[in-house]
Amino acid sequence: MKPAVLAMLTLVVTGCGTINTVFRDDSVTSRNLAKSSSYCGTVPRVYSGVMYDFCILHAPPADSDNYGTVQNVYWPVIDSIASAALDTLLLPYTIVRQNDEGSIEIAHKQ
């Protein structure tokens, strides 16, 4: 049972918006949101995980046949709850980074 729980936790954490924006390079965040064709131009570092999930939701559906499925809608909504909790814990760090570096710029495809 432990390996199954560990595997599930790993999948949840790697898909978490906060992990993607705070602990990974800005280019990864930019590339992921550009790949999803999100309409967001920047992601603020404060509560960046929640904003990342919002930007994923604020994109055209990747596959209109599967629009509204767990992959397209429900997962970012569920993840935003976990991201909000983690973003709150990381506020002292993200406030300093926002002040020093500004928001994460999203390089959209031309």
C-alpha atoms as a PDB file:
ATOM      1  CA  MET A   1       0.000   0.000   0.000  1.00  0.00           C
ATOM      2  CA  LYS A   2       2.885   2.371   0.727  1.00  0.00           C
ATOM      3  CA  PRO A   3       4.194   2.309  -2.875  1.00  0.00           C
ATOM      4  CA  ALA A   4       0.737   3.128  -4.229  1.00  0.00           C
ATOM      5  CA  VAL A   5       0.350   6.082  -1.860  1.00  0.00           C
ATOM      6  CA  LEU A   6       3.855   7.301  -2.705  1.00  0.00           C
ATOM      7  CA  ALA A   7       3.174   7.013  -6.450  1.00  0.00           C
ATOM      8  CA  MET A   8      -0.113   8.906  -6.100  1.00  0.00           C
ATOM      9  CA  LEU A   9       1.539  11.624  -4.006  1.00  0.00           C
ATOM     10  CA  THR A  10       4.295  11.977  -6.616  1.00  0.00           C
ATOM     11  CA  LEU A  11       1.739  12.396  -9.397  1.00  0.00           C
ATOM     12  CA  VAL A  12      -0.182  15.002  -7.414  1.00  0.00           C
ATOM     13  CA  VAL A  13       2.912  16.992  -6.490  1.00  0.00           C
ATOM     14  CA  THR A  14       4.368  17.037 -10.022  1.00  0.00           C
ATOM     15  CA  GLY A  15       1.092  18.391 -11.358  1.00  0.00           C
ATOM     16  CA  CYS A  16       0.726  20.973  -8.614  1.00  0.00           C
ATOM     17  CA  GLY A  17       0.663  24.566  -9.831  1.00  0.00           C
ATOM     18  CA  THR A  18       2.783  25.758  -6.908  1.00  0.00           C
ATOM     19  CA  ILE A  19       5.501  23.204  -7.630  1.00  0.00           C
ATOM     20  CA  ASN A  20       5.519  24.263 -11.289  1.00  0.00           C
ATOM     21  CA  THR A  21       5.822  27.967 -10.524  1.00  0.00           C
ATOM     22  CA  VAL A  22       7.843  28.238  -7.319  1.00  0.00           C
ATOM     23  CA  PHE A  23      10.260  25.316  -7.392  1.00  0.00           C
ATOM     24  CA  ARG A  24      10.865  24.962 -11.135  1.00  0.00           C
ATOM     25  CA  ASP A  25      12.541  27.377 -13.521  1.00  0.00           C
ATOM     26  CA  ASP A  26      10.421  30.195 -14.971  1.00  0.00           C
ATOM     27  CA  SER A  27      11.020  28.825 -18.468  1.00  0.00           C
ATOM     28  CA  VAL A  28       9.191  25.612 -17.514  1.00  0.00           C
ATOM     29  CA  THR A  29       6.154  27.582 -16.363  1.00  0.00           C
ATOM     30  CA  SER A  30       6.264  29.730 -19.484  1.00  0.00           C
ATOM     31  CA  ARG A  31       6.606  26.708 -21.779  1.00  0.00           C
ATOM     32  CA  ASN A  32       3.786  24.786 -20.057  1.00  0.00           C
ATOM     33  CA  LEU A  33       1.339  27.691 -20.297  1.00  0.00           C
ATOM     34  CA  ALA A  34       2.352  28.502 -23.880  1.00  0.00           C
ATOM     35  CA  LYS A  35       1.838  24.835 -24.794  1.00  0.00           C
ATOM     36  CA  SER A  36      -1.676  24.957 -23.361  1.00  0.00           C
ATOM     37  CA  SER A  37      -2.335  28.173 -25.380  1.00  0.00           C
ATOM     38  CA  SER A  38      -3.319  30.031 -22.219  1.00  0.00           C
ATOM     39  CA  TYR A  39      -4.440  33.614 -22.638  1.00  0.00           C
ATOM     40  CA  CYS A  40      -2.410  34.691 -19.580  1.00  0.00           C
ATOM     41  CA  GLY A  41       0.536  36.978 -20.313  1.00  0.00           C
ATOM     42  CA  THR A  42       2.123  36.857 -16.866  1.00  0.00           C
ATOM     43  CA  VAL A  43       1.793  34.917 -13.644  1.00  0.00           C
ATOM     44  CA  PRO A  44       2.449  36.806 -10.402  1.00  0.00           C
ATOM     45  CA  ARG A  45       4.723  34.962  -7.993  1.00  0.00           C
ATOM     46  CA  VAL A  46       2.399  35.578  -5.024  1.00  0.00           C
ATOM     47  CA  TYR A  47      -0.204  32.792  -5.117  1.00  0.00           C
ATOM     48  CA  SER A  48       1.405  31.634  -8.354  1.00  0.00           C
ATOM     49  CA  GLY A  49       0.099  28.078  -8.049  1.00  0.00           C
ATOM     50  CA  VAL A  50      -3.510  29.238  -7.965  1.00  0.00           C
ATOM     51  CA  MET A  51      -2.870  31.626 -10.858  1.00  0.00           C
ATOM     52  CA  TYR A  52      -1.155  28.847 -12.824  1.00  0.00           C
ATOM     53  CA  ASP A  53      -4.263  26.679 -12.421  1.00  0.00           C
ATOM     54  CA  PHE A  54      -6.463  29.619 -13.418  1.00  0.00           C
ATOM     55  CA  CYS A  55      -4.328  30.127 -16.545  1.00  0.00           C
ATOM     56  CA  ILE A  56      -4.677  26.432 -17.426  1.00  0.00           C
ATOM     57  CA  LEU A  57      -8.456  26.830 -17.104  1.00  0.00           C
ATOM     58  CA  HIS A  58      -8.311  30.088 -19.088  1.00  0.00           C
ATOM     59  CA  ALA A  59      -7.149  28.380 -22.259  1.00  0.00           C
ATOM     60  CA  PRO A  60      -8.992  26.888 -25.191  1.00  0.00           C
ATOM     61  CA  PRO A  61      -9.765  23.197 -24.690  1.00  0.00           C
ATOM     62  CA  ALA A  62      -7.037  20.958 -26.065  1.00  0.00           C
ATOM     63  CA  ASP A  63      -9.594  18.465 -27.335  1.00  0.00           C
ATOM     64  CA  SER A  64     -13.177  19.626 -27.740  1.00  0.00           C
ATOM     65  CA  ASP A  65     -14.399  16.027 -27.593  1.00  0.00           C
ATOM     66  CA  ASN A  66     -13.068  15.701 -24.043  1.00  0.00           C
ATOM     67  CA  TYR A  67     -13.996  19.192 -22.820  1.00  0.00           C
ATOM     68  CA  GLY A  68     -15.261  19.024 -19.255  1.00  0.00           C
ATOM     69  CA  THR A  69     -13.426  15.835 -18.387  1.00  0.00           C
ATOM     70  CA  VAL A  70     -11.243  15.380 -15.334  1.00  0.00           C
ATOM     71  CA  GLN A  71      -8.130  16.238 -17.345  1.00  0.00           C
ATOM     72  CA  ASN A  72      -9.476  19.504 -18.766  1.00  0.00           C
ATOM     73  CA  VAL A  73     -11.510  21.089 -15.989  1.00  0.00           C
ATOM     74  CA  TYR A  74     -11.760  19.197 -12.746  1.00  0.00           C
ATOM     75  CA  TRP A  75      -8.068  18.592 -12.123  1.00  0.00           C
ATOM     76  CA  PRO A  76      -7.024  22.292 -12.136  1.00  0.00           C
ATOM     77  CA  VAL A  77      -9.958  23.120  -9.855  1.00  0.00           C
ATOM     78  CA  ILE A  78      -8.970  20.386  -7.394  1.00  0.00           C
ATOM     79  CA  ASP A  79      -5.304  21.352  -7.658  1.00  0.00           C
ATOM     80  CA  SER A  80      -6.066  24.998  -6.949  1.00  0.00           C
ATOM     81  CA  ILE A  81      -7.221  24.034  -3.445  1.00  0.00           C
ATOM     82  CA  ALA A  82      -3.919  22.310  -2.678  1.00  0.00           C
ATOM     83  CA  SER A  83      -2.012  25.123  -4.384  1.00  0.00           C
ATOM     84  CA  ALA A  84      -3.797  27.759  -2.289  1.00  0.00           C
ATOM     85  CA  ALA A  85      -2.719  26.023   0.907  1.00  0.00           C
ATOM     86  CA  LEU A  86       0.884  25.632  -0.237  1.00  0.00           C
ATOM     87  CA  ASP A  87       0.986  29.170  -1.670  1.00  0.00           C
ATOM     88  CA  THR A  88      -0.123  30.516   1.709  1.00  0.00           C
ATOM     89  CA  LEU A  89       2.717  28.687   3.463  1.00  0.00           C
ATOM     90  CA  LEU A  90       5.203  30.069   0.920  1.00  0.00           C
ATOM     91  CA  LEU A  91       4.011  33.703   1.096  1.00  0.00           C
ATOM     92  CA  PRO A  92       7.150  35.093   2.775  1.00  0.00           C
ATOM     93  CA  TYR A  93       9.333  33.571   0.054  1.00  0.00           C
ATOM     94  CA  THR A  94       7.109  34.487  -2.900  1.00  0.00           C
ATOM     95  CA  ILE A  95       6.605  38.084  -1.744  1.00  0.00           C
ATOM     96  CA  VAL A  96      10.369  38.598  -1.725  1.00  0.00           C
ATOM     97  CA  ARG A  97      10.757  36.968  -5.154  1.00  0.00           C
ATOM     98  CA  GLN A  98       7.899  39.052  -6.580  1.00  0.00           C
ATOM     99  CA  ASN A  99       9.611  42.187  -5.294  1.00  0.00           C
ATOM    100  CA  ASP A 100      13.048  41.163  -6.621  1.00  0.00           C
ATOM    101  CA  GLU A 101      12.173  39.489  -9.925  1.00  0.00           C
ATOM    102  CA  GLY A 102       8.625  40.539 -10.828  1.00  0.00           C
ATOM    103  CA  SER A 103       6.032  38.302 -12.420  1.00  0.00           C
ATOM    104  CA  ILE A 104       6.723  35.255 -14.568  1.00  0.00           C
ATOM    105  CA  GLU A 105       6.444  36.235 -18.254  1.00  0.00           C
ATOM    106  CA  ILE A 106       4.675  33.801 -20.561  1.00  0.00           C
ATOM    107  CA  ALA A 107       6.322  33.562 -23.980  1.00  0.00           C
ATOM    108  CA  HIS A 108       3.490  32.709 -26.347  1.00  0.00           C
ATOM    109  CA  LYS A 109       3.974  30.965 -29.668  1.00  0.00           C
ATOM    110  CA  GLN A 110       4.197  33.322 -32.602  1.00  0.00           C
END
